[in-house]
Amino acid sequence: MDLEILKIASDTNNKKYIQNFTHQSRLKNPICGDEIQINLIIKKNRIIDFGYQGKSCVYCQASANLLSKISVNKHKSQIDKLCDDAKLYFDGNIEIIEKKWKILFKIFKEKNRLRKECILLPFKTMKKIVSD
């Protein structure tokens, strides 16, 4: 187990339920059973607050944590593109994650490729919200 993944997952500042959310999505990984729910406050197409919770593995928790940090104060269209890029990265296009998303390289690593579905679950959940 990568200690960096554990460290990222243990940062629970955004692992919270937002009472007055404007957008919400929940997904379950049919392969491993991970579940995640994302609650957002979006105003004028900008993400103001991000909360997540669920029953998931450390890879999914680390991924949700990094996605939450990246998303706050970003426009929905930026995060929509990021969600697409995350999938493309694990489909083999490793150059797709731009320098501005460099923080994702903490979990987007070749050695974590087998945990692809766990890592992408928060991005798939977020995509349901930001692509509308």
C-alpha atoms as a PDB file:
ATOM      1  CA  MET A   1       0.000   0.000   0.000  1.00  0.00           C
ATOM      2  CA  ASP A   2       1.272   3.405  -0.977  1.00  0.00           C
ATOM      3  CA  LEU A   3       1.648   5.598   2.124  1.00  0.00           C
ATOM      4  CA  GLU A   4       0.900   8.696   0.042  1.00  0.00           C
ATOM      5  CA  ILE A   5      -2.520   7.249  -0.863  1.00  0.00           C
ATOM      6  CA  LEU A   6      -3.236   6.677   2.834  1.00  0.00           C
ATOM      7  CA  LYS A   7      -2.163  10.210   3.688  1.00  0.00           C
ATOM      8  CA  ILE A   8      -4.407  11.721   0.993  1.00  0.00           C
ATOM      9  CA  ALA A   9      -7.380   9.566   2.022  1.00  0.00           C
ATOM     10  CA  SER A  10      -6.961  10.498   5.677  1.00  0.00           C
ATOM     11  CA  ASP A  11      -7.482  14.207   4.898  1.00  0.00           C
ATOM     12  CA  THR A  12     -11.190  14.399   5.586  1.00  0.00           C
ATOM     13  CA  ASN A  13     -11.828  18.157   5.348  1.00  0.00           C
ATOM     14  CA  ASN A  14     -14.315  17.699   2.500  1.00  0.00           C
ATOM     15  CA  LYS A  15     -15.666  14.337   3.642  1.00  0.00           C
ATOM     16  CA  LYS A  16     -18.903  15.885   4.808  1.00  0.00           C
ATOM     17  CA  TYR A  17     -22.576  16.143   4.060  1.00  0.00           C
ATOM     18  CA  ILE A  18     -23.697  19.518   2.770  1.00  0.00           C
ATOM     19  CA  GLN A  19     -27.225  20.257   4.034  1.00  0.00           C
ATOM     20  CA  ASN A  20     -28.151  22.928   1.495  1.00  0.00           C
ATOM     21  CA  PHE A  21     -26.646  21.295  -1.600  1.00  0.00           C
ATOM     22  CA  THR A  22     -27.852  22.347  -5.034  1.00  0.00           C
ATOM     23  CA  HIS A  23     -26.596  19.235  -6.837  1.00  0.00           C
ATOM     24  CA  GLN A  24     -26.114  15.641  -5.773  1.00  0.00           C
ATOM     25  CA  SER A  25     -25.052  12.367  -7.329  1.00  0.00           C
ATOM     26  CA  ARG A  26     -24.427   8.861  -6.037  1.00  0.00           C
ATOM     27  CA  LEU A  27     -22.790   5.885  -7.720  1.00  0.00           C
ATOM     28  CA  LYS A  28     -21.838   2.360  -6.762  1.00  0.00           C
ATOM     29  CA  ASN A  29     -19.015   0.353  -8.284  1.00  0.00           C
ATOM     30  CA  PRO A  30     -20.579  -3.002  -9.240  1.00  0.00           C
ATOM     31  CA  ILE A  31     -17.158  -4.675  -9.267  1.00  0.00           C
ATOM     32  CA  CYS A  32     -16.056  -4.014  -5.675  1.00  0.00           C
ATOM     33  CA  GLY A  33     -19.087  -2.445  -3.991  1.00  0.00           C
ATOM     34  CA  ASP A  34     -17.562   0.987  -3.360  1.00  0.00           C
ATOM     35  CA  GLU A  35     -20.220   3.684  -2.997  1.00  0.00           C
ATOM     36  CA  ILE A  36     -19.789   7.431  -3.113  1.00  0.00           C
ATOM     37  CA  GLN A  37     -22.133  10.373  -2.877  1.00  0.00           C
ATOM     38  CA  ILE A  38     -21.119  13.884  -3.893  1.00  0.00           C
ATOM     39  CA  ASN A  39     -23.020  16.976  -2.769  1.00  0.00           C
ATOM     40  CA  LEU A  40     -22.241  20.336  -4.331  1.00  0.00           C
ATOM     41  CA  ILE A  41     -23.263  23.929  -4.036  1.00  0.00           C
ATOM     42  CA  ILE A  42     -23.075  25.440  -7.509  1.00  0.00           C
ATOM     43  CA  LYS A  43     -23.804  29.095  -8.201  1.00  0.00           C
ATOM     44  CA  LYS A  44     -23.517  30.687 -11.629  1.00  0.00           C
ATOM     45  CA  ASN A  45     -21.960  27.434 -12.948  1.00  0.00           C
ATOM     46  CA  ARG A  46     -19.132  27.667 -10.400  1.00  0.00           C
ATOM     47  CA  ILE A  47     -18.595  25.046  -7.695  1.00  0.00           C
ATOM     48  CA  ILE A  48     -18.748  26.831  -4.345  1.00  0.00           C
ATOM     49  CA  ASP A  49     -18.650  23.870  -1.947  1.00  0.00           C
ATOM     50  CA  PHE A  50     -17.969  20.144  -2.292  1.00  0.00           C
ATOM     51  CA  GLY A  51     -18.827  17.378   0.132  1.00  0.00           C
ATOM     52  CA  TYR A  52     -18.511  13.642  -0.273  1.00  0.00           C
ATOM     53  CA  GLN A  53     -19.225  10.565   1.763  1.00  0.00           C
ATOM     54  CA  GLY A  54     -19.679   6.886   1.239  1.00  0.00           C
ATOM     55  CA  LYS A  55     -18.391   3.421   1.892  1.00  0.00           C
ATOM     56  CA  SER A  56     -15.314   2.978  -0.229  1.00  0.00           C
ATOM     57  CA  CYS A  57     -11.731   1.805  -0.332  1.00  0.00           C
ATOM     58  CA  VAL A  58      -8.745   4.014   0.360  1.00  0.00           C
ATOM     59  CA  TYR A  59      -8.106   4.574  -3.389  1.00  0.00           C
ATOM     60  CA  CYS A  60     -11.626   5.889  -3.933  1.00  0.00           C
ATOM     61  CA  GLN A  61     -11.397   8.072  -0.809  1.00  0.00           C
ATOM     62  CA  ALA A  62      -8.062   9.533  -1.921  1.00  0.00           C
ATOM     63  CA  SER A  63      -9.454  10.208  -5.383  1.00  0.00           C
ATOM     64  CA  ALA A  64     -12.572  11.907  -3.957  1.00  0.00           C
ATOM     65  CA  ASN A  65     -10.417  14.024  -1.671  1.00  0.00           C
ATOM     66  CA  LEU A  66      -8.203  15.275  -4.510  1.00  0.00           C
ATOM     67  CA  LEU A  67     -11.224  15.886  -6.754  1.00  0.00           C
ATOM     68  CA  SER A  68     -12.848  17.928  -3.989  1.00  0.00           C
ATOM     69  CA  LYS A  69      -9.758  20.096  -3.593  1.00  0.00           C
ATOM     70  CA  ILE A  70      -9.494  20.664  -7.352  1.00  0.00           C
ATOM     71  CA  SER A  71     -13.181  21.406  -7.915  1.00  0.00           C
ATOM     72  CA  VAL A  72     -13.911  24.206  -5.461  1.00  0.00           C
ATOM     73  CA  ASN A  73     -14.009  27.608  -7.207  1.00  0.00           C
ATOM     74  CA  LYS A  74     -13.812  25.998 -10.666  1.00  0.00           C
ATOM     75  CA  HIS A  75     -16.370  26.306 -13.444  1.00  0.00           C
ATOM     76  CA  LYS A  76     -18.497  23.240 -14.161  1.00  0.00           C
ATOM     77  CA  SER A  77     -17.109  23.007 -17.708  1.00  0.00           C
ATOM     78  CA  GLN A  78     -13.522  22.781 -16.396  1.00  0.00           C
ATOM     79  CA  ILE A  79     -14.412  19.884 -14.109  1.00  0.00           C
ATOM     80  CA  ASP A  80     -16.453  18.215 -16.857  1.00  0.00           C
ATOM     81  CA  LYS A  81     -13.340  18.206 -19.052  1.00  0.00           C
ATOM     82  CA  LEU A  82     -11.216  16.958 -16.159  1.00  0.00           C
ATOM     83  CA  CYS A  83     -13.588  14.021 -15.666  1.00  0.00           C
ATOM     84  CA  ASP A  84     -13.238  13.138 -19.354  1.00  0.00           C
ATOM     85  CA  ASP A  85      -9.451  13.491 -19.138  1.00  0.00           C
ATOM     86  CA  ALA A  86      -9.279  11.218 -16.099  1.00  0.00           C
ATOM     87  CA  LYS A  87     -10.987   8.425 -18.018  1.00  0.00           C
ATOM     88  CA  LEU A  88      -8.732   8.991 -21.034  1.00  0.00           C
ATOM     89  CA  TYR A  89      -5.675   8.792 -18.775  1.00  0.00           C
ATOM     90  CA  PHE A  90      -6.630   5.307 -17.642  1.00  0.00           C
ATOM     91  CA  ASP A  91      -7.488   4.365 -21.226  1.00  0.00           C
ATOM     92  CA  GLY A  92      -3.805   4.862 -22.045  1.00  0.00           C
ATOM     93  CA  ASN A  93      -3.454   8.549 -22.859  1.00  0.00           C
ATOM     94  CA  ILE A  94      -1.085   9.340 -19.980  1.00  0.00           C
ATOM     95  CA  GLU A  95      -0.211  12.815 -21.267  1.00  0.00           C
ATOM     96  CA  ILE A  96      -3.825  13.998 -21.072  1.00  0.00           C
ATOM     97  CA  ILE A  97      -3.716  15.257 -17.480  1.00  0.00           C
ATOM     98  CA  GLU A  98      -2.556  18.827 -17.844  1.00  0.00           C
ATOM     99  CA  LYS A  99       0.002  20.511 -15.637  1.00  0.00           C
ATOM    100  CA  LYS A 100      -2.755  22.397 -13.839  1.00  0.00           C
ATOM    101  CA  TRP A 101      -4.097  19.036 -12.613  1.00  0.00           C
ATOM    102  CA  LYS A 102      -0.628  17.885 -11.559  1.00  0.00           C
ATOM    103  CA  ILE A 103      -1.889  17.059  -8.062  1.00  0.00           C
ATOM    104  CA  LEU A 104      -3.648  14.027  -9.574  1.00  0.00           C
ATOM    105  CA  PHE A 105      -0.316  12.393 -10.321  1.00  0.00           C
ATOM    106  CA  LYS A 106      -0.261  11.456  -6.636  1.00  0.00           C
ATOM    107  CA  ILE A 107      -2.827   8.750  -7.462  1.00  0.00           C
ATOM    108  CA  PHE A 108      -2.741   8.579 -11.268  1.00  0.00           C
ATOM    109  CA  LYS A 109       0.207   6.217 -11.415  1.00  0.00           C
ATOM    110  CA  GLU A 110       0.939   3.135 -13.450  1.00  0.00           C
ATOM    111  CA  LYS A 111       1.152   1.022 -10.298  1.00  0.00           C
ATOM    112  CA  ASN A 112      -2.440   2.039  -9.441  1.00  0.00           C
ATOM    113  CA  ARG A 113      -3.835   1.067 -12.846  1.00  0.00           C
ATOM    114  CA  LEU A 114      -5.439  -2.070 -11.399  1.00  0.00           C
ATOM    115  CA  ARG A 115      -7.458   0.177  -9.070  1.00  0.00           C
ATOM    116  CA  LYS A 116      -8.719   2.228 -12.014  1.00  0.00           C
ATOM    117  CA  GLU A 117     -12.420   1.697 -11.257  1.00  0.00           C
ATOM    118  CA  CYS A 118     -11.938   2.724  -7.619  1.00  0.00           C
ATOM    119  CA  ILE A 119     -10.011   5.851  -8.577  1.00  0.00           C
ATOM    120  CA  LEU A 120     -12.439   6.851 -11.327  1.00  0.00           C
ATOM    121  CA  LEU A 121     -15.645   6.362  -9.297  1.00  0.00           C
ATOM    122  CA  PRO A 122     -15.612   9.923  -7.852  1.00  0.00           C
ATOM    123  CA  PHE A 123     -14.935  11.331 -11.347  1.00  0.00           C
ATOM    124  CA  LYS A 124     -17.843   9.349 -12.831  1.00  0.00           C
ATOM    125  CA  THR A 125     -20.083  10.550 -10.005  1.00  0.00           C
ATOM    126  CA  MET A 126     -18.999  14.150 -10.548  1.00  0.00           C
ATOM    127  CA  LYS A 127     -19.477  13.823 -14.323  1.00  0.00           C
ATOM    128  CA  LYS A 128     -23.173  13.098 -13.762  1.00  0.00           C
ATOM    129  CA  ILE A 129     -23.482  16.517 -12.108  1.00  0.00           C
ATOM    130  CA  VAL A 130     -21.293  18.766 -14.236  1.00  0.00           C
ATOM    131  CA  SER A 131     -22.225  17.442 -17.680  1.00  0.00           C
ATOM    132  CA  ASP A 132     -25.870  18.516 -17.521  1.00  0.00           C
END
